[in-house]
Amino acid sequence: MSSTFLDRVPPFKHSVTREMKRKILQLRARRSKNGSRLRRSVIKLPLPEKIEDSRKVNVVFPRSKEMEDRIVEYAMELDSYGVQSSARAQDYVKTFMRANALLNGRIKVTKSDLYLYDLIHPMFLNSMGEMGMENRILNLLKTNPNASGSEVIRKSGVVRGTFYKYKRILRAKGAI
């Protein structure tokens, strides 16, 4: 007999504003810069180890406010599209950058790793079909500035919730 995640963890919902998420990400960035980490319990799963501990490499992340701020912005954007939660997206971007450094024979992340992510980020979003829909709604809003929301929804062919989700994203970006 198998169980699912929801069999073990009760679902709950809470309201976290965009500004609250930004502050959480900035706090996580400051904590990682200061070297203060929470001690978490270690859960040992019964899986075979792929890499011996002695062969694992620690890739160092620089203490750069500029880089951390850009990562926070990317994480917020991924969260606003519903691709990943902001905290998971922040970890994803940093993991991508560490992996790129390691693939290039470095044990320290540099700005070049962030520059590569700059190039990858739109493709990551577009792979989800998010950018196409956003551009479609933006174009309809700009070409029909006096149209009602219902009219633009009808022309776009998307459901009401999707339309307002992208309209909120476009407002947050300052595009409309």
N, C-alpha and C. Protein backbone atom coordinates (compact mmCIF):
# COMPACT_ATOMS: atom_id res chain seq x y z
N MET A 1 0.85 -1.18 0.00
CA MET A 1 0.00 0.00 0.00
C MET A 1 0.90 1.24 0.00
N SER A 2 0.59 2.19 -0.85
CA SER A 2 1.40 3.41 -0.91
C SER A 2 0.63 4.58 -0.31
N SER A 3 1.37 5.59 0.05
CA SER A 3 0.73 6.80 0.58
C SER A 3 1.27 8.00 -0.17
N THR A 4 0.49 9.03 -0.19
CA THR A 4 0.90 10.25 -0.87
C THR A 4 1.32 11.29 0.16
N PHE A 5 1.89 12.36 -0.33
CA PHE A 5 2.32 13.44 0.55
C PHE A 5 1.15 13.97 1.38
N LEU A 6 -0.01 14.14 0.74
CA LEU A 6 -1.16 14.70 1.46
C LEU A 6 -1.75 13.73 2.48
N ASP A 7 -1.42 12.44 2.37
CA ASP A 7 -1.85 11.49 3.41
C ASP A 7 -1.09 11.74 4.70
N ARG A 8 0.13 12.29 4.58
CA ARG A 8 0.99 12.46 5.75
C ARG A 8 1.03 13.89 6.25
N VAL A 9 0.77 14.86 5.38
CA VAL A 9 0.88 16.27 5.75
C VAL A 9 -0.46 16.95 5.44
N PRO A 10 -1.09 17.51 6.46
CA PRO A 10 -2.37 18.18 6.19
C PRO A 10 -2.15 19.47 5.40
N PRO A 11 -2.99 19.74 4.41
CA PRO A 11 -2.84 20.98 3.65
C PRO A 11 -3.28 22.19 4.47
N PHE A 12 -2.65 23.31 4.23
CA PHE A 12 -3.05 24.55 4.89
C PHE A 12 -2.76 25.69 3.93
N LYS A 13 -3.41 26.81 4.18
CA LYS A 13 -3.24 27.96 3.31
C LYS A 13 -3.04 29.19 4.18
N HIS A 14 -2.17 30.08 3.74
CA HIS A 14 -1.94 31.33 4.44
C HIS A 14 -1.61 32.39 3.41
N SER A 15 -1.81 33.62 3.79
CA SER A 15 -1.54 34.72 2.87
C SER A 15 -0.16 35.29 3.15
N VAL A 16 0.69 35.23 2.16
CA VAL A 16 2.02 35.81 2.26
C VAL A 16 2.12 36.80 1.10
N THR A 17 2.35 38.05 1.44
CA THR A 17 2.42 39.08 0.39
C THR A 17 3.75 39.00 -0.34
N ARG A 18 3.80 39.63 -1.48
CA ARG A 18 5.03 39.69 -2.27
C ARG A 18 6.16 40.33 -1.46
N GLU A 19 5.84 41.37 -0.70
CA GLU A 19 6.86 42.04 0.10
C GLU A 19 7.36 41.13 1.22
N MET A 20 6.47 40.33 1.82
CA MET A 20 6.89 39.39 2.85
C MET A 20 7.84 38.35 2.27
N LYS A 21 7.54 37.86 1.06
CA LYS A 21 8.41 36.89 0.41
C LYS A 21 9.78 37.49 0.14
N ARG A 22 9.80 38.74 -0.32
CA ARG A 22 11.08 39.42 -0.60
C ARG A 22 11.92 39.51 0.68
N LYS A 23 11.28 39.87 1.79
CA LYS A 23 12.00 39.99 3.06
C LYS A 23 12.53 38.64 3.52
N ILE A 24 11.76 37.58 3.32
CA ILE A 24 12.21 36.23 3.69
C ILE A 24 13.45 35.86 2.88
N LEU A 25 13.41 36.13 1.57
CA LEU A 25 14.55 35.80 0.71
C LEU A 25 15.78 36.62 1.09
N GLN A 26 15.58 37.87 1.41
CA GLN A 26 16.71 38.72 1.81
C GLN A 26 17.28 38.23 3.14
N LEU A 27 16.44 37.80 4.06
CA LEU A 27 16.90 37.26 5.33
C LEU A 27 17.72 35.99 5.09
N ARG A 28 17.23 35.11 4.22
CA ARG A 28 17.97 33.89 3.91
C ARG A 28 19.32 34.23 3.30
N ALA A 29 19.36 35.25 2.44
CA ALA A 29 20.62 35.65 1.81
C ALA A 29 21.59 36.20 2.86
N ARG A 30 21.10 37.02 3.78
CA ARG A 30 21.96 37.57 4.84
C ARG A 30 22.50 36.46 5.73
N ARG A 31 21.65 35.51 6.07
CA ARG A 31 22.10 34.41 6.94
C ARG A 31 23.19 33.60 6.26
N SER A 32 23.04 33.35 4.97
CA SER A 32 24.06 32.56 4.28
C SER A 32 25.36 33.35 4.15
N LYS A 33 25.28 34.69 4.01
CA LYS A 33 26.48 35.52 3.93
C LYS A 33 27.22 35.53 5.26
N ASN A 34 26.47 35.57 6.35
CA ASN A 34 27.08 35.65 7.68
C ASN A 34 27.57 34.29 8.17
N GLY A 35 27.27 33.27 7.42
CA GLY A 35 27.71 31.94 7.82
C GLY A 35 26.86 31.32 8.92
N SER A 36 25.80 32.02 9.33
CA SER A 36 24.95 31.45 10.37
C SER A 36 23.90 30.57 9.72
N ARG A 37 23.93 29.34 10.08
CA ARG A 37 22.97 28.39 9.55
C ARG A 37 22.26 27.71 10.72
N LEU A 38 21.01 27.46 10.52
CA LEU A 38 20.28 26.71 11.53
C LEU A 38 20.75 25.27 11.52
N ARG A 39 20.86 24.69 12.67
CA ARG A 39 21.22 23.28 12.74
C ARG A 39 19.95 22.48 12.55
N ARG A 40 19.91 21.75 11.49
CA ARG A 40 18.73 20.95 11.18
C ARG A 40 19.02 19.49 11.49
N SER A 41 17.98 18.77 11.81
CA SER A 41 18.13 17.34 12.04
C SER A 41 18.55 16.66 10.75
N VAL A 42 19.40 15.67 10.88
CA VAL A 42 19.85 14.92 9.71
C VAL A 42 18.98 13.67 9.62
N ILE A 43 18.36 13.51 8.48
CA ILE A 43 17.53 12.33 8.26
C ILE A 43 18.28 11.45 7.27
N LYS A 44 18.64 10.28 7.68
CA LYS A 44 19.39 9.36 6.84
C LYS A 44 18.41 8.45 6.12
N LEU A 45 18.37 8.61 4.80
CA LEU A 45 17.49 7.77 4.00
C LEU A 45 18.23 6.50 3.59
N PRO A 46 17.52 5.43 3.44
CA PRO A 46 18.17 4.17 3.07
C PRO A 46 18.49 4.12 1.57
N LEU A 47 19.28 5.05 1.10
CA LEU A 47 19.66 5.10 -0.30
C LEU A 47 21.16 4.92 -0.42
N PRO A 48 21.60 4.32 -1.50
CA PRO A 48 23.05 4.17 -1.66
C PRO A 48 23.70 5.53 -1.92
N GLU A 49 24.86 5.73 -1.34
CA GLU A 49 25.60 6.97 -1.57
C GLU A 49 26.22 6.91 -2.95
N LYS A 50 26.03 7.96 -3.72
CA LYS A 50 26.59 8.01 -5.07
C LYS A 50 28.02 8.53 -5.06
N ILE A 51 28.29 9.50 -4.19
CA ILE A 51 29.61 10.11 -4.13
C ILE A 51 30.13 9.94 -2.72
N GLU A 52 31.33 9.44 -2.62
CA GLU A 52 31.96 9.30 -1.30
C GLU A 52 32.16 10.69 -0.70
N ASP A 53 32.00 10.82 0.61
CA ASP A 53 32.16 12.12 1.26
C ASP A 53 33.52 12.74 0.96
N SER A 54 34.54 11.92 0.88
CA SER A 54 35.88 12.45 0.63
C SER A 54 36.02 13.03 -0.78
N ARG A 55 35.13 12.65 -1.70
CA ARG A 55 35.21 13.14 -3.08
C ARG A 55 34.27 14.31 -3.34
N LYS A 56 33.40 14.64 -2.38
CA LYS A 56 32.48 15.75 -2.56
C LYS A 56 33.25 17.06 -2.54
N VAL A 57 32.80 18.02 -3.33
CA VAL A 57 33.47 19.31 -3.45
C VAL A 57 32.56 20.40 -2.90
N ASN A 58 33.10 21.27 -2.10
CA ASN A 58 32.35 22.40 -1.59
C ASN A 58 32.58 23.59 -2.52
N VAL A 59 31.55 23.98 -3.24
CA VAL A 59 31.65 25.13 -4.14
C VAL A 59 31.22 26.36 -3.35
N VAL A 60 32.10 27.32 -3.23
CA VAL A 60 31.90 28.50 -2.40
C VAL A 60 31.07 29.54 -3.16
N PHE A 61 30.11 30.11 -2.44
CA PHE A 61 29.29 31.18 -3.01
C PHE A 61 29.79 32.50 -2.47
N PRO A 62 30.07 33.48 -3.33
CA PRO A 62 30.64 34.76 -2.85
C PRO A 62 29.64 35.56 -2.02
N ARG A 63 30.16 36.44 -1.21
CA ARG A 63 29.32 37.33 -0.40
C ARG A 63 29.15 38.63 -1.16
N SER A 64 28.17 38.64 -2.05
CA SER A 64 27.95 39.80 -2.91
C SER A 64 26.49 40.22 -2.82
N LYS A 65 26.24 41.42 -2.32
CA LYS A 65 24.87 41.93 -2.21
C LYS A 65 24.24 42.05 -3.59
N GLU A 66 25.03 42.49 -4.56
CA GLU A 66 24.51 42.64 -5.93
C GLU A 66 24.01 41.29 -6.48
N MET A 67 24.81 40.25 -6.30
CA MET A 67 24.39 38.93 -6.79
C MET A 67 23.18 38.42 -6.02
N GLU A 68 23.18 38.59 -4.71
CA GLU A 68 22.05 38.13 -3.89
C GLU A 68 20.76 38.86 -4.28
N ASP A 69 20.86 40.16 -4.53
CA ASP A 69 19.67 40.94 -4.92
C ASP A 69 19.12 40.44 -6.26
N ARG A 70 19.98 40.13 -7.20
CA ARG A 70 19.52 39.64 -8.50
C ARG A 70 18.88 38.26 -8.36
N ILE A 71 19.46 37.42 -7.50
CA ILE A 71 18.88 36.10 -7.28
C ILE A 71 17.51 36.23 -6.63
N VAL A 72 17.36 37.16 -5.69
CA VAL A 72 16.06 37.40 -5.06
C VAL A 72 15.04 37.81 -6.12
N GLU A 73 15.42 38.68 -7.05
CA GLU A 73 14.50 39.11 -8.10
C GLU A 73 14.08 37.93 -8.98
N TYR A 74 15.03 37.08 -9.35
CA TYR A 74 14.69 35.90 -10.15
C TYR A 74 13.76 34.97 -9.37
N ALA A 75 14.05 34.78 -8.08
CA ALA A 75 13.21 33.91 -7.26
C ALA A 75 11.79 34.47 -7.15
N MET A 76 11.68 35.77 -6.99
CA MET A 76 10.36 36.41 -6.91
C MET A 76 9.60 36.24 -8.23
N GLU A 77 10.30 36.35 -9.33
CA GLU A 77 9.64 36.19 -10.63
C GLU A 77 9.16 34.75 -10.81
N LEU A 78 9.99 33.77 -10.48
CA LEU A 78 9.57 32.38 -10.59
C LEU A 78 8.38 32.10 -9.69
N ASP A 79 8.37 32.70 -8.51
CA ASP A 79 7.26 32.54 -7.58
C ASP A 79 5.99 33.19 -8.13
N SER A 80 6.13 34.38 -8.73
CA SER A 80 4.93 35.08 -9.22
C SER A 80 4.25 34.31 -10.35
N TYR A 81 5.02 33.54 -11.09
CA TYR A 81 4.44 32.71 -12.15
C TYR A 81 3.94 31.36 -11.63
N GLY A 82 4.25 31.08 -10.39
CA GLY A 82 3.82 29.80 -9.83
C GLY A 82 4.70 28.64 -10.29
N VAL A 83 5.88 28.93 -10.81
CA VAL A 83 6.79 27.89 -11.28
C VAL A 83 7.40 27.16 -10.08
N GLN A 84 7.89 27.92 -9.11
CA GLN A 84 8.45 27.39 -7.88
C GLN A 84 8.17 28.39 -6.76
N SER A 85 8.19 27.90 -5.52
CA SER A 85 8.05 28.85 -4.42
C SER A 85 9.30 29.71 -4.40
N SER A 86 9.21 30.89 -3.79
CA SER A 86 10.34 31.83 -3.80
C SER A 86 11.58 31.22 -3.15
N ALA A 87 11.42 30.53 -2.02
CA ALA A 87 12.58 29.95 -1.35
C ALA A 87 13.20 28.82 -2.18
N ARG A 88 12.36 27.99 -2.76
CA ARG A 88 12.88 26.91 -3.60
C ARG A 88 13.56 27.48 -4.84
N ALA A 89 12.99 28.53 -5.41
CA ALA A 89 13.59 29.15 -6.60
C ALA A 89 14.95 29.76 -6.27
N GLN A 90 15.06 30.39 -5.08
CA GLN A 90 16.34 30.96 -4.66
C GLN A 90 17.40 29.85 -4.58
N ASP A 91 17.04 28.72 -3.99
CA ASP A 91 17.96 27.59 -3.90
C ASP A 91 18.30 27.05 -5.29
N TYR A 92 17.30 26.99 -6.16
CA TYR A 92 17.49 26.48 -7.53
C TYR A 92 18.52 27.33 -8.28
N VAL A 93 18.39 28.65 -8.22
CA VAL A 93 19.31 29.54 -8.93
C VAL A 93 20.73 29.37 -8.39
N LYS A 94 20.86 29.31 -7.07
CA LYS A 94 22.19 29.14 -6.47
C LYS A 94 22.79 27.79 -6.83
N THR A 95 21.97 26.75 -6.84
CA THR A 95 22.46 25.42 -7.23
C THR A 95 22.92 25.42 -8.68
N PHE A 96 22.14 26.08 -9.54
CA PHE A 96 22.53 26.20 -10.95
C PHE A 96 23.90 26.86 -11.06
N MET A 97 24.09 27.96 -10.33
CA MET A 97 25.35 28.70 -10.40
C MET A 97 26.52 27.87 -9.85
N ARG A 98 26.30 27.15 -8.76
CA ARG A 98 27.36 26.30 -8.21
C ARG A 98 27.71 25.18 -9.20
N ALA A 99 26.69 24.59 -9.81
CA ALA A 99 26.93 23.51 -10.77
C ALA A 99 27.72 24.03 -11.97
N ASN A 100 27.39 25.22 -12.44
CA ASN A 100 28.11 25.79 -13.57
C ASN A 100 29.58 26.04 -13.21
N ALA A 101 29.81 26.55 -12.01
CA ALA A 101 31.20 26.78 -11.57
C ALA A 101 31.96 25.46 -11.55
N LEU A 102 31.34 24.43 -10.99
CA LEU A 102 31.99 23.13 -10.89
C LEU A 102 32.25 22.54 -12.28
N LEU A 103 31.28 22.66 -13.18
CA LEU A 103 31.46 22.15 -14.54
C LEU A 103 32.59 22.87 -15.27
N ASN A 104 32.87 24.10 -14.86
CA ASN A 104 33.95 24.87 -15.47
C ASN A 104 35.25 24.79 -14.67
N GLY A 105 35.33 23.82 -13.77
CA GLY A 105 36.57 23.56 -13.05
C GLY A 105 36.88 24.54 -11.93
N ARG A 106 35.86 25.25 -11.44
CA ARG A 106 36.08 26.22 -10.37
C ARG A 106 35.39 25.74 -9.10
N ILE A 107 35.93 26.14 -7.96
CA ILE A 107 35.26 25.82 -6.69
C ILE A 107 34.69 27.09 -6.05
N LYS A 108 34.65 28.17 -6.84
CA LYS A 108 34.05 29.42 -6.36
C LYS A 108 33.13 29.96 -7.45
N VAL A 109 31.92 30.35 -7.06
CA VAL A 109 30.97 30.94 -7.99
C VAL A 109 31.42 32.36 -8.30
N THR A 110 31.28 32.77 -9.56
CA THR A 110 31.64 34.13 -9.98
C THR A 110 30.45 34.77 -10.68
N LYS A 111 30.61 36.04 -11.04
CA LYS A 111 29.53 36.74 -11.75
C LYS A 111 29.22 36.08 -13.09
N SER A 112 30.21 35.42 -13.69
CA SER A 112 29.96 34.76 -14.97
C SER A 112 28.89 33.69 -14.83
N ASP A 113 28.79 33.06 -13.66
CA ASP A 113 27.75 32.06 -13.43
C ASP A 113 26.37 32.71 -13.39
N LEU A 114 26.32 33.90 -12.81
CA LEU A 114 25.07 34.65 -12.79
C LEU A 114 24.72 35.12 -14.20
N TYR A 115 25.72 35.53 -14.97
CA TYR A 115 25.47 35.95 -16.36
C TYR A 115 24.89 34.80 -17.18
N LEU A 116 25.38 33.59 -16.94
CA LEU A 116 24.82 32.46 -17.67
C LEU A 116 23.37 32.24 -17.25
N TYR A 117 23.10 32.35 -15.94
CA TYR A 117 21.71 32.19 -15.51
C TYR A 117 20.83 33.29 -16.12
N ASP A 118 21.38 34.50 -16.27
CA ASP A 118 20.64 35.58 -16.93
C ASP A 118 20.11 35.12 -18.29
N LEU A 119 20.95 34.37 -19.01
CA LEU A 119 20.58 33.88 -20.33
C LEU A 119 19.58 32.73 -20.27
N ILE A 120 19.70 31.89 -19.26
CA ILE A 120 18.86 30.71 -19.12
C ILE A 120 17.47 31.04 -18.57
N HIS A 121 17.39 32.02 -17.71
CA HIS A 121 16.14 32.34 -17.00
C HIS A 121 14.93 32.50 -17.93
N PRO A 122 15.00 33.31 -18.98
CA PRO A 122 13.81 33.43 -19.85
C PRO A 122 13.41 32.11 -20.50
N MET A 123 14.40 31.28 -20.83
CA MET A 123 14.08 29.99 -21.43
C MET A 123 13.43 29.07 -20.41
N PHE A 124 13.87 29.17 -19.15
CA PHE A 124 13.27 28.37 -18.10
C PHE A 124 11.80 28.74 -17.95
N LEU A 125 11.51 30.04 -17.91
CA LEU A 125 10.12 30.48 -17.81
C LEU A 125 9.34 30.09 -19.06
N ASN A 126 9.94 30.30 -20.22
CA ASN A 126 9.25 30.02 -21.47
C ASN A 126 8.97 28.53 -21.65
N SER A 127 9.80 27.69 -21.07
CA SER A 127 9.57 26.25 -21.19
C SER A 127 8.26 25.85 -20.51
N MET A 128 7.81 26.66 -19.60
CA MET A 128 6.54 26.42 -18.91
C MET A 128 5.37 27.04 -19.69
N GLY A 129 5.66 27.74 -20.77
CA GLY A 129 4.62 28.41 -21.53
C GLY A 129 4.16 29.71 -20.91
N GLU A 130 4.87 30.17 -19.88
CA GLU A 130 4.45 31.35 -19.13
C GLU A 130 4.64 32.64 -19.92
N MET A 131 5.79 32.78 -20.58
CA MET A 131 6.08 34.03 -21.27
C MET A 131 5.16 34.26 -22.46
N GLY A 132 4.82 33.20 -23.16
CA GLY A 132 3.92 33.33 -24.30
C GLY A 132 2.56 33.89 -23.88
N MET A 133 2.04 33.36 -22.79
CA MET A 133 0.75 33.82 -22.28
C MET A 133 0.85 35.25 -21.77
N GLU A 134 1.92 35.56 -21.07
CA GLU A 134 2.10 36.92 -20.55
C GLU A 134 2.17 37.92 -21.70
N ASN A 135 2.96 37.61 -22.72
CA ASN A 135 3.08 38.51 -23.86
C ASN A 135 1.76 38.66 -24.60
N ARG A 136 1.02 37.58 -24.68
CA ARG A 136 -0.29 37.61 -25.35
C ARG A 136 -1.24 38.56 -24.62
N ILE A 137 -1.29 38.44 -23.31
CA ILE A 137 -2.19 39.30 -22.51
C ILE A 137 -1.69 40.74 -22.52
N LEU A 138 -0.38 40.95 -22.42
CA LEU A 138 0.18 42.29 -22.49
C LEU A 138 -0.17 42.95 -23.81
N ASN A 139 -0.01 42.22 -24.89
CA ASN A 139 -0.32 42.76 -26.22
C ASN A 139 -1.81 43.13 -26.32
N LEU A 140 -2.68 42.28 -25.82
CA LEU A 140 -4.12 42.58 -25.86
C LEU A 140 -4.46 43.81 -25.02
N LEU A 141 -3.83 43.93 -23.86
CA LEU A 141 -4.10 45.09 -23.00
C LEU A 141 -3.60 46.38 -23.65
N LYS A 142 -2.46 46.31 -24.32
CA LYS A 142 -1.91 47.51 -24.95
C LYS A 142 -2.66 47.89 -26.23
N THR A 143 -3.12 46.91 -26.97
CA THR A 143 -3.85 47.22 -28.20
C THR A 143 -5.32 47.54 -27.95
N ASN A 144 -5.82 47.19 -26.77
CA ASN A 144 -7.21 47.47 -26.40
C ASN A 144 -7.25 48.17 -25.05
N PRO A 145 -6.67 49.37 -24.93
CA PRO A 145 -6.55 50.02 -23.62
C PRO A 145 -7.88 50.36 -22.97
N ASN A 146 -8.91 50.57 -23.75
CA ASN A 146 -10.20 50.96 -23.17
C ASN A 146 -11.16 49.79 -23.02
N ALA A 147 -10.70 48.59 -23.37
CA ALA A 147 -11.57 47.41 -23.30
C ALA A 147 -11.73 46.97 -21.84
N SER A 148 -12.89 46.42 -21.54
CA SER A 148 -13.13 45.91 -20.19
C SER A 148 -12.37 44.60 -20.00
N GLY A 149 -12.20 44.20 -18.75
CA GLY A 149 -11.53 42.94 -18.46
C GLY A 149 -12.22 41.77 -19.13
N SER A 150 -13.56 41.76 -19.11
CA SER A 150 -14.33 40.68 -19.73
C SER A 150 -14.08 40.61 -21.23
N GLU A 151 -13.97 41.76 -21.85
CA GLU A 151 -13.72 41.82 -23.29
C GLU A 151 -12.34 41.26 -23.63
N VAL A 152 -11.34 41.65 -22.85
CA VAL A 152 -9.98 41.16 -23.10
C VAL A 152 -9.90 39.66 -22.82
N ILE A 153 -10.59 39.19 -21.79
CA ILE A 153 -10.62 37.76 -21.47
C ILE A 153 -11.20 36.99 -22.66
N ARG A 154 -12.30 37.50 -23.21
CA ARG A 154 -12.94 36.84 -24.36
C ARG A 154 -11.98 36.79 -25.55
N LYS A 155 -11.28 37.90 -25.82
CA LYS A 155 -10.34 37.94 -26.95
C LYS A 155 -9.13 37.05 -26.73
N SER A 156 -8.71 36.93 -25.48
CA SER A 156 -7.49 36.14 -25.20
C SER A 156 -7.76 34.65 -25.23
N GLY A 157 -8.99 34.28 -24.91
CA GLY A 157 -9.32 32.85 -24.90
C GLY A 157 -8.85 32.13 -23.64
N VAL A 158 -8.49 32.89 -22.60
CA VAL A 158 -8.06 32.26 -21.35
C VAL A 158 -9.15 32.40 -20.31
N VAL A 159 -9.06 31.59 -19.28
CA VAL A 159 -10.05 31.69 -18.21
C VAL A 159 -9.79 32.93 -17.37
N ARG A 160 -10.80 33.36 -16.67
CA ARG A 160 -10.75 34.60 -15.89
C ARG A 160 -9.57 34.63 -14.90
N GLY A 161 -9.38 33.54 -14.15
CA GLY A 161 -8.31 33.48 -13.16
C GLY A 161 -6.93 33.63 -13.78
N THR A 162 -6.72 33.02 -14.93
CA THR A 162 -5.44 33.12 -15.62
C THR A 162 -5.19 34.54 -16.09
N PHE A 163 -6.23 35.16 -16.63
CA PHE A 163 -6.10 36.54 -17.11
C PHE A 163 -5.67 37.46 -15.96
N TYR A 164 -6.36 37.36 -14.83
CA TYR A 164 -6.06 38.26 -13.71
C TYR A 164 -4.71 37.93 -13.06
N LYS A 165 -4.30 36.68 -13.11
CA LYS A 165 -2.97 36.30 -12.60
C LYS A 165 -1.90 37.05 -13.41
N TYR A 166 -2.01 37.01 -14.73
CA TYR A 166 -1.00 37.67 -15.57
C TYR A 166 -1.13 39.18 -15.51
N LYS A 167 -2.31 39.69 -15.34
CA LYS A 167 -2.49 41.13 -15.22
C LYS A 167 -1.80 41.62 -13.94
N ARG A 168 -1.92 40.85 -12.86
CA ARG A 168 -1.26 41.19 -11.60
C ARG A 168 0.27 41.16 -11.78
N ILE A 169 0.78 40.16 -12.48
CA ILE A 169 2.22 40.04 -12.74
C ILE A 169 2.71 41.22 -13.56
N LEU A 170 1.96 41.58 -14.59
CA LEU A 170 2.35 42.70 -15.45
C LEU A 170 2.34 44.02 -14.67
N ARG A 171 1.38 44.19 -13.77
CA ARG A 171 1.36 45.40 -12.93
C ARG A 171 2.57 45.44 -12.01
N ALA A 172 2.90 44.29 -11.41
CA ALA A 172 4.04 44.23 -10.49
C ALA A 172 5.35 44.58 -11.23
N LYS A 173 5.43 44.20 -12.50
CA LYS A 173 6.62 44.50 -13.31
C LYS A 173 6.61 45.93 -13.83
N GLY A 174 5.47 46.61 -13.72
CA GLY A 174 5.36 47.97 -14.24
C GLY A 174 5.12 48.02 -15.73
N ALA A 175 4.70 46.89 -16.32
CA ALA A 175 4.48 46.82 -17.76
C ALA A 175 3.14 47.45 -18.16
N ILE A 176 2.22 47.51 -17.21
CA ILE A 176 0.91 48.13 -17.49
C ILE A 176 0.57 49.10 -16.36
